[in-house]
Amino acid sequence: MRDTLTISLPKKLRIELRDAARREGVTQSEFARKALKVELFRRAMREARDALVPKARAMGIYTDEDAFRIVS
Protein backbone atom coordinates (compact mmCIF):
# COMPACT_ATOMS: atom_id res chain seq x y z
CA MET A 1 0.00 0.00 0.00
CA ARG A 2 1.29 3.45 -0.85
CA ASP A 3 0.46 6.84 0.56
CA THR A 4 1.19 10.11 -1.13
CA LEU A 5 3.28 12.77 0.57
CA THR A 6 3.38 16.24 -0.88
CA ILE A 7 6.37 18.40 -0.01
CA SER A 8 7.50 21.81 -1.16
CA LEU A 9 11.06 22.28 -2.32
CA PRO A 10 13.04 25.39 -3.09
CA LYS A 11 13.53 25.75 -6.83
CA LYS A 12 17.27 24.98 -6.66
CA LEU A 13 16.69 21.75 -4.72
CA ARG A 14 13.94 20.70 -7.13
CA ILE A 15 16.31 21.19 -10.07
CA GLU A 16 19.02 19.19 -8.27
CA LEU A 17 16.50 16.41 -7.60
CA ARG A 18 15.39 16.38 -11.22
CA ASP A 19 18.97 16.28 -12.51
CA ALA A 20 20.11 13.61 -10.05
CA ALA A 21 17.12 11.39 -10.86
CA ARG A 22 17.84 11.73 -14.57
CA ARG A 23 21.48 10.74 -14.04
CA GLU A 24 20.38 7.69 -12.06
CA GLY A 25 17.71 6.79 -14.60
CA VAL A 26 14.91 6.79 -12.05
CA THR A 27 11.88 8.92 -11.35
CA GLN A 28 12.14 11.84 -8.96
CA SER A 29 9.84 9.98 -6.59
CA GLU A 30 12.08 6.90 -6.61
CA PHE A 31 15.18 9.01 -6.08
CA ALA A 32 13.54 10.83 -3.15
CA ARG A 33 12.33 7.52 -1.63
CA LYS A 34 15.84 6.07 -1.81
CA ALA A 35 17.39 9.22 -0.31
CA LEU A 36 14.87 9.15 2.53
CA LYS A 37 15.54 5.46 3.24
CA VAL A 38 19.29 6.12 3.34
CA GLU A 39 18.87 9.04 5.74
CA LEU A 40 16.55 7.09 8.04
CA PHE A 41 19.00 4.16 8.07
CA ARG A 42 21.91 6.50 8.90
CA ARG A 43 19.95 8.01 11.76
CA ALA A 44 19.06 4.58 13.15
CA MET A 45 22.71 3.52 12.98
CA ARG A 46 23.84 6.73 14.68
CA GLU A 47 21.28 6.25 17.46
CA ALA A 48 22.36 2.63 17.96
CA ARG A 49 26.01 3.67 18.07
CA ASP A 50 25.28 6.44 20.56
CA ALA A 51 23.51 3.94 22.81
CA LEU A 52 26.13 1.20 22.52
CA VAL A 53 29.43 3.09 22.67
CA PRO A 54 29.17 3.94 26.38
CA LYS A 55 28.42 0.29 27.16
CA ALA A 56 31.39 -0.84 25.08
CA ARG A 57 33.68 1.67 26.79
CA ALA A 58 32.56 0.37 30.18
CA MET A 59 33.66 -3.10 29.02
CA GLY A 60 37.03 -1.80 27.87
CA ILE A 61 36.19 -1.94 24.17
CA TYR A 62 37.73 0.99 22.33
CA THR A 63 38.71 -0.44 18.95
CA ASP A 64 37.54 -3.07 16.48
CA GLU A 65 40.45 -5.21 17.61
CA ASP A 66 39.19 -5.04 21.20
CA ALA A 67 35.78 -6.26 20.07
CA PHE A 68 37.26 -9.06 17.94
CA ARG A 69 39.39 -10.23 20.88
CA ILE A 70 36.29 -10.54 23.04
CA VAL A 71 34.29 -12.37 20.35
CA SER A 72 37.08 -14.76 19.36
C-alpha atoms as a PDB file:
ATOM      1  CA  MET A   1       0.000   0.000   0.000  1.00  0.00           C
ATOM      2  CA  ARG A   2       1.294   3.446  -0.854  1.00  0.00           C
ATOM      3  CA  ASP A   3       0.459   6.835   0.561  1.00  0.00           C
ATOM      4  CA  THR A   4       1.187  10.113  -1.130  1.00  0.00           C
ATOM      5  CA  LEU A   5       3.278  12.770   0.567  1.00  0.00           C
ATOM      6  CA  THR A   6       3.385  16.241  -0.876  1.00  0.00           C
ATOM      7  CA  ILE A   7       6.366  18.403  -0.011  1.00  0.00           C
ATOM      8  CA  SER A   8       7.500  21.808  -1.156  1.00  0.00           C
ATOM      9  CA  LEU A   9      11.063  22.283  -2.318  1.00  0.00           C
ATOM     10  CA  PRO A  10      13.039  25.395  -3.091  1.00  0.00           C
ATOM     11  CA  LYS A  11      13.534  25.746  -6.833  1.00  0.00           C
ATOM     12  CA  LYS A  12      17.269  24.975  -6.659  1.00  0.00           C
ATOM     13  CA  LEU A  13      16.689  21.750  -4.722  1.00  0.00           C
ATOM     14  CA  ARG A  14      13.936  20.702  -7.128  1.00  0.00           C
ATOM     15  CA  ILE A  15      16.311  21.194 -10.066  1.00  0.00           C
ATOM     16  CA  GLU A  16      19.016  19.186  -8.273  1.00  0.00           C
ATOM     17  CA  LEU A  17      16.504  16.414  -7.598  1.00  0.00           C
ATOM     18  CA  ARG A  18      15.393  16.376 -11.224  1.00  0.00           C
ATOM     19  CA  ASP A  19      18.965  16.276 -12.514  1.00  0.00           C
ATOM     20  CA  ALA A  20      20.107  13.611 -10.049  1.00  0.00           C
ATOM     21  CA  ALA A  21      17.118  11.393 -10.862  1.00  0.00           C
ATOM     22  CA  ARG A  22      17.840  11.727 -14.573  1.00  0.00           C
ATOM     23  CA  ARG A  23      21.480  10.745 -14.042  1.00  0.00           C
ATOM     24  CA  GLU A  24      20.383   7.686 -12.058  1.00  0.00           C
ATOM     25  CA  GLY A  25      17.715   6.794 -14.597  1.00  0.00           C
ATOM     26  CA  VAL A  26      14.905   6.788 -12.049  1.00  0.00           C
ATOM     27  CA  THR A  27      11.884   8.923 -11.350  1.00  0.00           C
ATOM     28  CA  GLN A  28      12.139  11.844  -8.964  1.00  0.00           C
ATOM     29  CA  SER A  29       9.845   9.975  -6.593  1.00  0.00           C
ATOM     30  CA  GLU A  30      12.082   6.897  -6.607  1.00  0.00           C
ATOM     31  CA  PHE A  31      15.181   9.009  -6.085  1.00  0.00           C
ATOM     32  CA  ALA A  32      13.535  10.826  -3.152  1.00  0.00           C
ATOM     33  CA  ARG A  33      12.332   7.516  -1.628  1.00  0.00           C
ATOM     34  CA  LYS A  34      15.839   6.072  -1.814  1.00  0.00           C
ATOM     35  CA  ALA A  35      17.390   9.219  -0.312  1.00  0.00           C
ATOM     36  CA  LEU A  36      14.870   9.147   2.531  1.00  0.00           C
ATOM     37  CA  LYS A  37      15.540   5.461   3.236  1.00  0.00           C
ATOM     38  CA  VAL A  38      19.289   6.120   3.341  1.00  0.00           C
ATOM     39  CA  GLU A  39      18.871   9.040   5.739  1.00  0.00           C
ATOM     40  CA  LEU A  40      16.551   7.094   8.042  1.00  0.00           C
ATOM     41  CA  PHE A  41      19.004   4.164   8.069  1.00  0.00           C
ATOM     42  CA  ARG A  42      21.911   6.499   8.900  1.00  0.00           C
ATOM     43  CA  ARG A  43      19.946   8.012  11.758  1.00  0.00           C
ATOM     44  CA  ALA A  44      19.064   4.584  13.150  1.00  0.00           C
ATOM     45  CA  MET A  45      22.713   3.518  12.978  1.00  0.00           C
ATOM     46  CA  ARG A  46      23.845   6.727  14.678  1.00  0.00           C
ATOM     47  CA  GLU A  47      21.277   6.247  17.456  1.00  0.00           C
ATOM     48  CA  ALA A  48      22.364   2.626  17.958  1.00  0.00           C
ATOM     49  CA  ARG A  49      26.010   3.668  18.074  1.00  0.00           C
ATOM     50  CA  ASP A  50      25.278   6.444  20.556  1.00  0.00           C
ATOM     51  CA  ALA A  51      23.513   3.939  22.810  1.00  0.00           C
ATOM     52  CA  LEU A  52      26.131   1.195  22.520  1.00  0.00           C
ATOM     53  CA  VAL A  53      29.434   3.087  22.670  1.00  0.00           C
ATOM     54  CA  PRO A  54      29.171   3.940  26.381  1.00  0.00           C
ATOM     55  CA  LYS A  55      28.421   0.285  27.164  1.00  0.00           C
ATOM     56  CA  ALA A  56      31.393  -0.845  25.084  1.00  0.00           C
ATOM     57  CA  ARG A  57      33.677   1.675  26.789  1.00  0.00           C
ATOM     58  CA  ALA A  58      32.556   0.365  30.182  1.00  0.00           C
ATOM     59  CA  MET A  59      33.656  -3.097  29.024  1.00  0.00           C
ATOM     60  CA  GLY A  60      37.033  -1.801  27.873  1.00  0.00           C
ATOM     61  CA  ILE A  61      36.192  -1.939  24.172  1.00  0.00           C
ATOM     62  CA  TYR A  62      37.732   0.993  22.335  1.00  0.00           C
ATOM     63  CA  THR A  63      38.712  -0.436  18.948  1.00  0.00           C
ATOM     64  CA  ASP A  64      37.541  -3.068  16.485  1.00  0.00           C
ATOM     65  CA  GLU A  65      40.452  -5.209  17.607  1.00  0.00           C
ATOM     66  CA  ASP A  66      39.193  -5.040  21.197  1.00  0.00           C
ATOM     67  CA  ALA A  67      35.782  -6.259  20.071  1.00  0.00           C
ATOM     68  CA  PHE A  68      37.258  -9.063  17.937  1.00  0.00           C
ATOM     69  CA  ARG A  69      39.385 -10.225  20.883  1.00  0.00           C
ATOM     70  CA  ILE A  70      36.291 -10.544  23.044  1.00  0.00           C
ATOM     71  CA  VAL A  71      34.292 -12.366  20.354  1.00  0.00           C
ATOM     72  CA  SER A  72      37.082 -14.763  19.358  1.00  0.00           C
END
